[in-house]
Amino acid sequence: MTLVVRDYDEAIRFYVEGLGFTLVEDLPQGDKRWVVVSAGEGTSLLLAQADTGQQQARVGDQTGGRVGFFLNTDDFDGDHARMVAYGVHFREEPREEVYGKVAVFEDLYGNRWDLLQPARA
């Protein structure tokens, strides 16, 4: 999946330090870079720096204000505490749903994500 970002380095910092992703690749491609971060097993994001006005207008609003991304965890409380300490903005308090423990947060650009620990079957 591709996520349009304002700046490669600030996005890498946020996703790695703030959300706990791993930097998989950061390769120069002329005037661009190929930057991939991963949240684990097969889940990766290509961070693509906006370089046109149309792309810049989409930074932070790739899903029209809806939750469009899901970060699954097996340690909700630990990840939530680490993210709050880093300064990640949560739009709500954690809540229990039939499908698991969840809270909506925003990335550094305002895209909405669910931090989700699925219910155990």
Protein backbone atom coordinates (compact mmCIF):
# COMPACT_ATOMS: atom_id res chain seq x y z
CA MET A 1 0.00 0.00 0.00
CA THR A 2 1.25 3.49 -0.77
CA LEU A 3 0.86 6.36 1.69
CA VAL A 4 1.46 9.89 0.39
CA VAL A 5 3.57 11.87 2.87
CA ARG A 6 4.87 15.43 3.13
CA ASP A 7 8.49 14.51 3.86
CA TYR A 8 10.35 11.20 3.78
CA ASP A 9 12.43 11.74 6.90
CA GLU A 10 9.63 13.00 9.16
CA ALA A 11 7.42 10.12 8.00
CA ILE A 12 10.15 7.55 8.66
CA ARG A 13 10.67 8.99 12.16
CA PHE A 14 6.96 8.87 12.97
CA TYR A 15 6.27 5.38 11.65
CA VAL A 16 9.43 3.84 13.14
CA GLU A 17 9.73 5.70 16.46
CA GLY A 18 6.07 6.52 17.05
CA LEU A 19 4.26 3.47 15.73
CA GLY A 20 7.00 0.86 16.08
CA PHE A 21 7.34 -0.01 12.40
CA THR A 22 10.63 -1.27 10.96
CA LEU A 23 12.42 0.59 8.18
CA VAL A 24 12.75 -2.05 5.46
CA GLU A 25 14.18 0.02 2.59
CA ASP A 26 15.34 3.57 1.96
CA LEU A 27 16.85 3.64 -1.51
CA PRO A 28 17.65 6.74 -3.59
CA GLN A 29 15.80 6.83 -6.92
CA GLY A 30 17.16 9.98 -8.55
CA ASP A 31 15.20 12.88 -7.07
CA LYS A 32 12.91 10.46 -5.18
CA ARG A 33 13.42 7.65 -2.69
CA TRP A 34 11.97 4.15 -2.36
CA VAL A 35 10.98 4.07 1.32
CA VAL A 36 9.25 1.02 2.79
CA VAL A 37 8.27 0.53 6.43
CA SER A 38 6.74 -2.59 7.90
CA ALA A 39 4.52 -3.38 10.87
CA GLY A 40 5.38 -7.07 10.63
CA GLU A 41 4.48 -10.20 8.71
CA GLY A 42 3.70 -9.07 5.18
CA THR A 43 2.34 -5.67 6.18
CA SER A 44 4.27 -2.85 4.54
CA LEU A 45 3.74 0.75 3.51
CA LEU A 46 5.50 2.53 0.69
CA LEU A 47 5.99 6.12 1.86
CA ALA A 48 5.73 8.33 -1.22
CA GLN A 49 6.65 11.98 -0.84
CA ALA A 50 4.09 14.26 -2.50
CA ASP A 51 5.63 16.15 -5.38
CA THR A 52 2.66 17.79 -7.10
CA GLY A 53 0.00 20.14 -5.80
CA GLN A 54 -2.66 17.48 -6.25
CA GLN A 55 -0.63 14.96 -4.23
CA GLN A 56 0.15 17.53 -1.53
CA ALA A 57 -3.58 18.23 -1.18
CA ARG A 58 -4.14 14.52 -0.39
CA VAL A 59 -1.54 14.27 2.38
CA GLY A 60 -3.49 13.45 5.54
CA ASP A 61 -6.79 12.94 3.75
CA GLN A 62 -6.33 9.82 1.69
CA THR A 63 -9.59 8.28 2.89
CA GLY A 64 -11.86 11.30 3.14
CA GLY A 65 -11.72 11.51 6.95
CA ARG A 66 -12.65 7.85 7.54
CA VAL A 67 -10.50 5.29 9.30
CA GLY A 68 -8.59 3.79 6.44
CA PHE A 69 -5.71 1.98 8.10
CA PHE A 70 -5.54 -0.69 10.79
CA LEU A 71 -2.59 -1.43 13.05
CA ASN A 72 -3.12 -4.82 14.70
CA THR A 73 -1.36 -5.61 17.96
CA ASP A 74 -1.16 -8.41 20.49
CA ASP A 75 -0.22 -5.90 23.24
CA PHE A 76 -2.78 -3.12 22.99
CA ASP A 77 -2.06 -1.56 26.39
CA GLY A 78 1.71 -1.54 25.89
CA ASP A 79 1.54 -0.19 22.35
CA HIS A 80 -1.07 2.41 23.31
CA ALA A 81 1.07 3.65 26.22
CA ARG A 82 4.22 3.82 24.04
CA MET A 83 2.37 5.70 21.30
CA VAL A 84 0.83 8.18 23.76
CA ALA A 85 4.27 8.80 25.31
CA TYR A 86 5.62 9.51 21.81
CA GLY A 87 2.84 12.05 21.24
CA VAL A 88 0.55 10.13 18.89
CA HIS A 89 -2.89 11.80 18.92
CA PHE A 90 -5.69 9.42 19.88
CA ARG A 91 -9.16 10.67 18.96
CA GLU A 92 -10.81 8.57 21.68
CA GLU A 93 -10.18 6.43 24.73
CA PRO A 94 -9.63 2.71 24.15
CA ARG A 95 -12.85 0.72 24.05
CA GLU A 96 -13.89 -2.92 24.01
CA GLU A 97 -15.92 -4.11 21.04
CA VAL A 98 -17.09 -7.60 20.11
CA TYR A 99 -14.23 -7.78 17.61
CA GLY A 100 -11.55 -6.62 20.08
CA LYS A 101 -9.97 -3.68 21.88
CA VAL A 102 -9.70 -0.59 19.68
CA ALA A 103 -8.94 3.13 19.63
CA VAL A 104 -8.80 5.57 16.71
CA PHE A 105 -5.60 7.58 16.32
CA GLU A 106 -4.16 9.92 13.72
CA ASP A 107 -0.81 9.68 12.02
CA LEU A 108 1.36 12.80 11.82
CA TYR A 109 -0.64 14.05 8.84
CA GLY A 110 -4.15 13.38 10.16
CA ASN A 111 -4.92 10.06 8.44
CA ARG A 112 -7.11 8.01 10.75
CA TRP A 113 -6.05 4.57 11.95
CA ASP A 114 -7.45 1.94 14.30
CA LEU A 115 -5.09 0.47 16.85
CA LEU A 116 -6.70 -2.94 17.22
CA GLN A 117 -6.14 -5.99 19.35
CA PRO A 118 -8.51 -8.58 17.88
CA ALA A 119 -10.68 -10.57 20.30
CA ARG A 120 -9.47 -14.08 20.91
CA ALA A 121 -11.70 -16.79 19.52
